[in-house]
Amino acid sequence: MIEQIINSIKNELSDTLNGDQMKRLSEVLFKHLSICLKDEHGKSSLNDSNLLSLFISAKRVEGCSEKSLQYYESTIRNMLKKIGNPECRISTEELRFCTAPQLSSSD
């Protein structure tokens, strides 16, 4: 998962940074993201069982109503069932495929 995040960032900055800067960026991102994604026992703190609850908690902190939180949770659970991949492995294309019918029907 960390590698995917780093590669996405590097792709966005590829026209801005030279080779040495890209290498250093990769090292720094890996170092800091690895720390952020580990719990006190050295295990990954982000896994498929807690990503949804972390998202819902973040939305609660942002001030979303309980009705909105329930909607987000049920919609995301349905999407996860439809896609069938672990949360950490869902691609942008899969999200687009899953959300495109909803977007076009809401027009």
N, C-alpha and C. Protein backbone atom coordinates (compact mmCIF):
# COMPACT_ATOMS: atom_id res chain seq x y z
N MET A 1 0.82 -1.19 0.00
CA MET A 1 0.00 0.00 0.00
C MET A 1 0.87 1.26 0.00
N ILE A 2 1.93 1.24 0.81
CA ILE A 2 2.82 2.40 0.88
C ILE A 2 3.44 2.66 -0.48
N GLU A 3 3.85 1.58 -1.16
CA GLU A 3 4.47 1.74 -2.47
C GLU A 3 3.51 2.38 -3.47
N GLN A 4 2.23 2.02 -3.39
CA GLN A 4 1.23 2.60 -4.29
C GLN A 4 1.09 4.10 -4.04
N ILE A 5 1.08 4.49 -2.79
CA ILE A 5 0.96 5.91 -2.44
C ILE A 5 2.19 6.67 -2.94
N ILE A 6 3.36 6.12 -2.69
CA ILE A 6 4.61 6.77 -3.12
C ILE A 6 4.65 6.89 -4.64
N ASN A 7 4.26 5.83 -5.34
CA ASN A 7 4.28 5.88 -6.80
C ASN A 7 3.29 6.90 -7.35
N SER A 8 2.14 7.02 -6.72
CA SER A 8 1.17 8.04 -7.15
C SER A 8 1.74 9.44 -6.98
N ILE A 9 2.37 9.69 -5.84
CA ILE A 9 2.98 11.00 -5.59
C ILE A 9 4.10 11.27 -6.58
N LYS A 10 4.94 10.26 -6.81
CA LYS A 10 6.05 10.42 -7.75
C LYS A 10 5.54 10.70 -9.16
N ASN A 11 4.48 10.02 -9.55
CA ASN A 11 3.92 10.26 -10.88
C ASN A 11 3.44 11.69 -11.03
N GLU A 12 2.82 12.22 -9.99
CA GLU A 12 2.33 13.60 -10.06
C GLU A 12 3.47 14.61 -10.10
N LEU A 13 4.61 14.26 -9.52
CA LEU A 13 5.74 15.19 -9.46
C LEU A 13 6.81 14.90 -10.51
N SER A 14 6.57 13.94 -11.39
CA SER A 14 7.60 13.52 -12.33
C SER A 14 8.09 14.64 -13.24
N ASP A 15 7.24 15.57 -13.58
CA ASP A 15 7.68 16.66 -14.45
C ASP A 15 8.30 17.83 -13.68
N THR A 16 8.31 17.73 -12.35
CA THR A 16 8.83 18.81 -11.52
C THR A 16 10.19 18.48 -10.92
N LEU A 17 10.41 17.21 -10.57
CA LEU A 17 11.62 16.81 -9.87
C LEU A 17 12.57 16.05 -10.78
N ASN A 18 13.89 16.21 -10.52
CA ASN A 18 14.87 15.43 -11.28
C ASN A 18 15.08 14.07 -10.61
N GLY A 19 15.94 13.25 -11.18
CA GLY A 19 16.14 11.89 -10.70
C GLY A 19 16.58 11.80 -9.25
N ASP A 20 17.55 12.63 -8.85
CA ASP A 20 18.04 12.62 -7.47
C ASP A 20 16.95 13.06 -6.50
N GLN A 21 16.20 14.07 -6.88
CA GLN A 21 15.12 14.55 -6.03
C GLN A 21 14.03 13.49 -5.89
N MET A 22 13.74 12.78 -6.97
CA MET A 22 12.74 11.70 -6.92
C MET A 22 13.19 10.59 -5.98
N LYS A 23 14.45 10.25 -6.06
CA LYS A 23 14.98 9.19 -5.20
C LYS A 23 14.87 9.60 -3.74
N ARG A 24 15.26 10.82 -3.43
CA ARG A 24 15.18 11.32 -2.05
C ARG A 24 13.73 11.40 -1.59
N LEU A 25 12.84 11.85 -2.46
CA LEU A 25 11.43 11.91 -2.13
C LEU A 25 10.91 10.52 -1.77
N SER A 26 11.27 9.52 -2.55
CA SER A 26 10.85 8.15 -2.27
C SER A 26 11.33 7.69 -0.90
N GLU A 27 12.58 7.96 -0.59
CA GLU A 27 13.15 7.54 0.69
C GLU A 27 12.42 8.20 1.85
N VAL A 28 12.19 9.50 1.75
CA VAL A 28 11.55 10.25 2.84
C VAL A 28 10.10 9.81 3.00
N LEU A 29 9.38 9.67 1.89
CA LEU A 29 7.99 9.24 1.98
C LEU A 29 7.89 7.84 2.58
N PHE A 30 8.74 6.93 2.14
CA PHE A 30 8.69 5.58 2.68
C PHE A 30 8.96 5.57 4.18
N LYS A 31 9.95 6.34 4.59
CA LYS A 31 10.30 6.42 6.01
C LYS A 31 9.12 6.92 6.84
N HIS A 32 8.53 8.02 6.42
CA HIS A 32 7.47 8.64 7.21
C HIS A 32 6.14 7.91 7.10
N LEU A 33 5.82 7.41 5.92
CA LEU A 33 4.57 6.67 5.78
C LEU A 33 4.64 5.34 6.52
N SER A 34 5.79 4.73 6.53
CA SER A 34 5.94 3.47 7.27
C SER A 34 5.68 3.68 8.76
N ILE A 35 6.18 4.78 9.29
CA ILE A 35 5.96 5.09 10.70
C ILE A 35 4.49 5.36 10.96
N CYS A 36 3.87 6.14 10.09
CA CYS A 36 2.46 6.51 10.27
C CYS A 36 1.54 5.31 10.19
N LEU A 37 1.91 4.32 9.43
CA LEU A 37 1.03 3.18 9.21
C LEU A 37 1.33 2.01 10.11
N LYS A 38 2.11 2.22 11.15
CA LYS A 38 2.42 1.16 12.10
C LYS A 38 1.82 1.50 13.46
N ASP A 39 1.37 0.46 14.17
CA ASP A 39 0.89 0.68 15.53
C ASP A 39 2.04 0.49 16.51
N GLU A 40 1.72 0.50 17.80
CA GLU A 40 2.77 0.40 18.81
C GLU A 40 3.47 -0.95 18.84
N HIS A 41 2.91 -1.96 18.17
CA HIS A 41 3.53 -3.28 18.12
C HIS A 41 4.27 -3.52 16.81
N GLY A 42 4.35 -2.48 15.98
CA GLY A 42 5.05 -2.61 14.70
C GLY A 42 4.23 -3.20 13.59
N LYS A 43 2.95 -3.45 13.84
CA LYS A 43 2.07 -4.00 12.82
C LYS A 43 1.38 -2.87 12.08
N SER A 44 0.95 -3.16 10.88
CA SER A 44 0.24 -2.16 10.09
C SER A 44 -1.04 -1.75 10.83
N SER A 45 -1.23 -0.45 10.98
CA SER A 45 -2.42 0.03 11.67
C SER A 45 -3.59 0.21 10.73
N LEU A 46 -3.32 0.20 9.43
CA LEU A 46 -4.40 0.31 8.45
C LEU A 46 -4.62 -1.06 7.83
N ASN A 47 -5.77 -1.61 8.07
CA ASN A 47 -6.12 -2.87 7.43
C ASN A 47 -7.57 -2.78 6.99
N ASP A 48 -7.99 -3.79 6.27
CA ASP A 48 -9.33 -3.74 5.70
C ASP A 48 -10.43 -3.69 6.74
N SER A 49 -10.15 -4.18 7.94
CA SER A 49 -11.21 -4.20 8.95
C SER A 49 -11.43 -2.84 9.61
N ASN A 50 -10.44 -1.94 9.54
CA ASN A 50 -10.65 -0.66 10.22
C ASN A 50 -10.65 0.56 9.32
N LEU A 51 -10.44 0.40 8.02
CA LEU A 51 -10.44 1.57 7.14
C LEU A 51 -11.81 2.25 7.09
N LEU A 52 -12.85 1.46 6.99
CA LEU A 52 -14.20 2.04 6.94
C LEU A 52 -14.52 2.77 8.24
N SER A 53 -14.19 2.16 9.37
CA SER A 53 -14.48 2.83 10.64
C SER A 53 -13.64 4.09 10.81
N LEU A 54 -12.43 4.09 10.30
CA LEU A 54 -11.61 5.30 10.35
C LEU A 54 -12.22 6.41 9.49
N PHE A 55 -12.71 6.04 8.32
CA PHE A 55 -13.35 7.02 7.44
C PHE A 55 -14.60 7.60 8.10
N ILE A 56 -15.43 6.73 8.65
CA ILE A 56 -16.66 7.19 9.31
C ILE A 56 -16.33 8.07 10.51
N SER A 57 -15.30 7.70 11.26
CA SER A 57 -14.88 8.53 12.39
C SER A 57 -14.42 9.91 11.93
N ALA A 58 -13.68 9.95 10.83
CA ALA A 58 -13.21 11.24 10.29
C ALA A 58 -14.40 12.10 9.87
N LYS A 59 -15.39 11.47 9.24
CA LYS A 59 -16.58 12.21 8.83
C LYS A 59 -17.38 12.71 10.04
N ARG A 60 -17.40 11.91 11.10
CA ARG A 60 -18.08 12.33 12.33
C ARG A 60 -17.39 13.56 12.91
N VAL A 61 -16.06 13.54 12.93
CA VAL A 61 -15.29 14.68 13.44
C VAL A 61 -15.54 15.92 12.58
N GLU A 62 -15.72 15.72 11.28
CA GLU A 62 -16.00 16.84 10.38
C GLU A 62 -17.39 17.44 10.61
N GLY A 63 -18.23 16.73 11.37
CA GLY A 63 -19.54 17.27 11.70
C GLY A 63 -20.70 16.71 10.90
N CYS A 64 -20.48 15.60 10.20
CA CYS A 64 -21.57 14.99 9.44
C CYS A 64 -22.65 14.46 10.38
N SER A 65 -23.89 14.52 9.92
CA SER A 65 -25.01 14.01 10.72
C SER A 65 -24.96 12.49 10.77
N GLU A 66 -25.65 11.92 11.76
CA GLU A 66 -25.70 10.46 11.88
C GLU A 66 -26.36 9.85 10.65
N LYS A 67 -27.34 10.53 10.09
CA LYS A 67 -28.00 10.04 8.89
C LYS A 67 -27.01 9.96 7.73
N SER A 68 -26.19 11.00 7.57
CA SER A 68 -25.17 10.99 6.52
C SER A 68 -24.14 9.89 6.76
N LEU A 69 -23.74 9.72 8.02
CA LEU A 69 -22.76 8.69 8.35
C LEU A 69 -23.30 7.30 8.02
N GLN A 70 -24.57 7.07 8.33
CA GLN A 70 -25.19 5.78 8.01
C GLN A 70 -25.26 5.57 6.50
N TYR A 71 -25.55 6.64 5.77
CA TYR A 71 -25.60 6.56 4.31
C TYR A 71 -24.21 6.22 3.76
N TYR A 72 -23.19 6.94 4.23
CA TYR A 72 -21.82 6.67 3.77
C TYR A 72 -21.45 5.22 4.04
N GLU A 73 -21.73 4.76 5.25
CA GLU A 73 -21.33 3.41 5.61
C GLU A 73 -22.05 2.36 4.76
N SER A 74 -23.35 2.50 4.59
CA SER A 74 -24.07 1.50 3.79
C SER A 74 -23.65 1.55 2.33
N THR A 75 -23.44 2.74 1.79
CA THR A 75 -23.02 2.87 0.40
C THR A 75 -21.64 2.25 0.19
N ILE A 76 -20.72 2.52 1.11
CA ILE A 76 -19.37 1.97 0.98
C ILE A 76 -19.39 0.46 1.15
N ARG A 77 -20.17 -0.05 2.09
CA ARG A 77 -20.27 -1.51 2.26
C ARG A 77 -20.82 -2.18 0.99
N ASN A 78 -21.83 -1.58 0.39
CA ASN A 78 -22.38 -2.12 -0.86
C ASN A 78 -21.35 -2.08 -1.98
N MET A 79 -20.59 -0.99 -2.05
CA MET A 79 -19.55 -0.88 -3.06
C MET A 79 -18.49 -1.95 -2.86
N LEU A 80 -18.08 -2.17 -1.61
CA LEU A 80 -17.06 -3.17 -1.33
C LEU A 80 -17.54 -4.57 -1.72
N LYS A 81 -18.79 -4.86 -1.47
CA LYS A 81 -19.35 -6.15 -1.88
C LYS A 81 -19.32 -6.29 -3.39
N LYS A 82 -19.68 -5.21 -4.09
CA LYS A 82 -19.74 -5.23 -5.54
C LYS A 82 -18.35 -5.40 -6.15
N ILE A 83 -17.37 -4.71 -5.62
CA ILE A 83 -16.01 -4.78 -6.16
C ILE A 83 -15.35 -6.10 -5.81
N GLY A 84 -15.47 -6.52 -4.56
CA GLY A 84 -14.93 -7.81 -4.16
C GLY A 84 -13.45 -7.84 -3.84
N ASN A 85 -12.76 -6.74 -3.95
CA ASN A 85 -11.34 -6.68 -3.60
C ASN A 85 -11.17 -6.13 -2.19
N PRO A 86 -10.06 -6.46 -1.54
CA PRO A 86 -9.79 -5.83 -0.24
C PRO A 86 -9.70 -4.31 -0.41
N GLU A 87 -10.08 -3.58 0.61
CA GLU A 87 -10.12 -2.12 0.54
C GLU A 87 -8.80 -1.51 0.10
N CYS A 88 -7.71 -2.05 0.58
CA CYS A 88 -6.38 -1.50 0.25
C CYS A 88 -5.98 -1.78 -1.19
N ARG A 89 -6.70 -2.63 -1.87
CA ARG A 89 -6.33 -3.04 -3.24
C ARG A 89 -7.30 -2.54 -4.30
N ILE A 90 -8.23 -1.69 -3.93
CA ILE A 90 -9.21 -1.19 -4.90
C ILE A 90 -8.54 -0.14 -5.78
N SER A 91 -8.72 -0.29 -7.08
CA SER A 91 -8.12 0.65 -8.02
C SER A 91 -9.10 1.77 -8.35
N THR A 92 -8.57 2.82 -8.93
CA THR A 92 -9.40 3.94 -9.36
C THR A 92 -10.42 3.48 -10.40
N GLU A 93 -10.00 2.60 -11.30
CA GLU A 93 -10.91 2.10 -12.33
C GLU A 93 -12.09 1.35 -11.72
N GLU A 94 -11.82 0.56 -10.69
CA GLU A 94 -12.90 -0.16 -10.02
C GLU A 94 -13.88 0.80 -9.36
N LEU A 95 -13.36 1.85 -8.75
CA LEU A 95 -14.25 2.86 -8.15
C LEU A 95 -15.10 3.55 -9.21
N ARG A 96 -14.49 3.88 -10.32
CA ARG A 96 -15.23 4.53 -11.40
C ARG A 96 -16.33 3.61 -11.92
N PHE A 97 -15.99 2.35 -12.10
CA PHE A 97 -16.97 1.38 -12.59
C PHE A 97 -18.15 1.28 -11.62
N CYS A 98 -17.82 1.29 -10.34
CA CYS A 98 -18.85 1.10 -9.31
C CYS A 98 -19.71 2.36 -9.15
N THR A 99 -19.12 3.53 -9.28
CA THR A 99 -19.86 4.78 -9.04
C THR A 99 -20.49 5.36 -10.29
N ALA A 100 -20.02 5.00 -11.47
CA ALA A 100 -20.55 5.57 -12.72
C ALA A 100 -22.05 5.40 -12.86
N PRO A 101 -22.61 4.21 -12.60
CA PRO A 101 -24.07 4.09 -12.74
C PRO A 101 -24.83 5.00 -11.78
N GLN A 102 -24.31 5.18 -10.57
CA GLN A 102 -24.96 6.06 -9.60
C GLN A 102 -24.90 7.51 -10.04
N LEU A 103 -23.76 7.92 -10.59
CA LEU A 103 -23.61 9.30 -11.03
C LEU A 103 -24.54 9.61 -12.19
N SER A 104 -24.64 8.69 -13.15
CA SER A 104 -25.48 8.96 -14.31
C SER A 104 -26.97 8.91 -13.95
N SER A 105 -27.36 8.10 -12.97
CA SER A 105 -28.78 8.04 -12.59
C SER A 105 -29.21 9.21 -11.74
N SER A 106 -28.25 9.94 -11.16
CA SER A 106 -28.61 11.09 -10.33
C SER A 106 -28.76 12.37 -11.13
N ASP A 107 -28.45 12.32 -12.44
CA ASP A 107 -28.57 13.51 -13.29
C ASP A 107 -29.99 13.83 -13.61
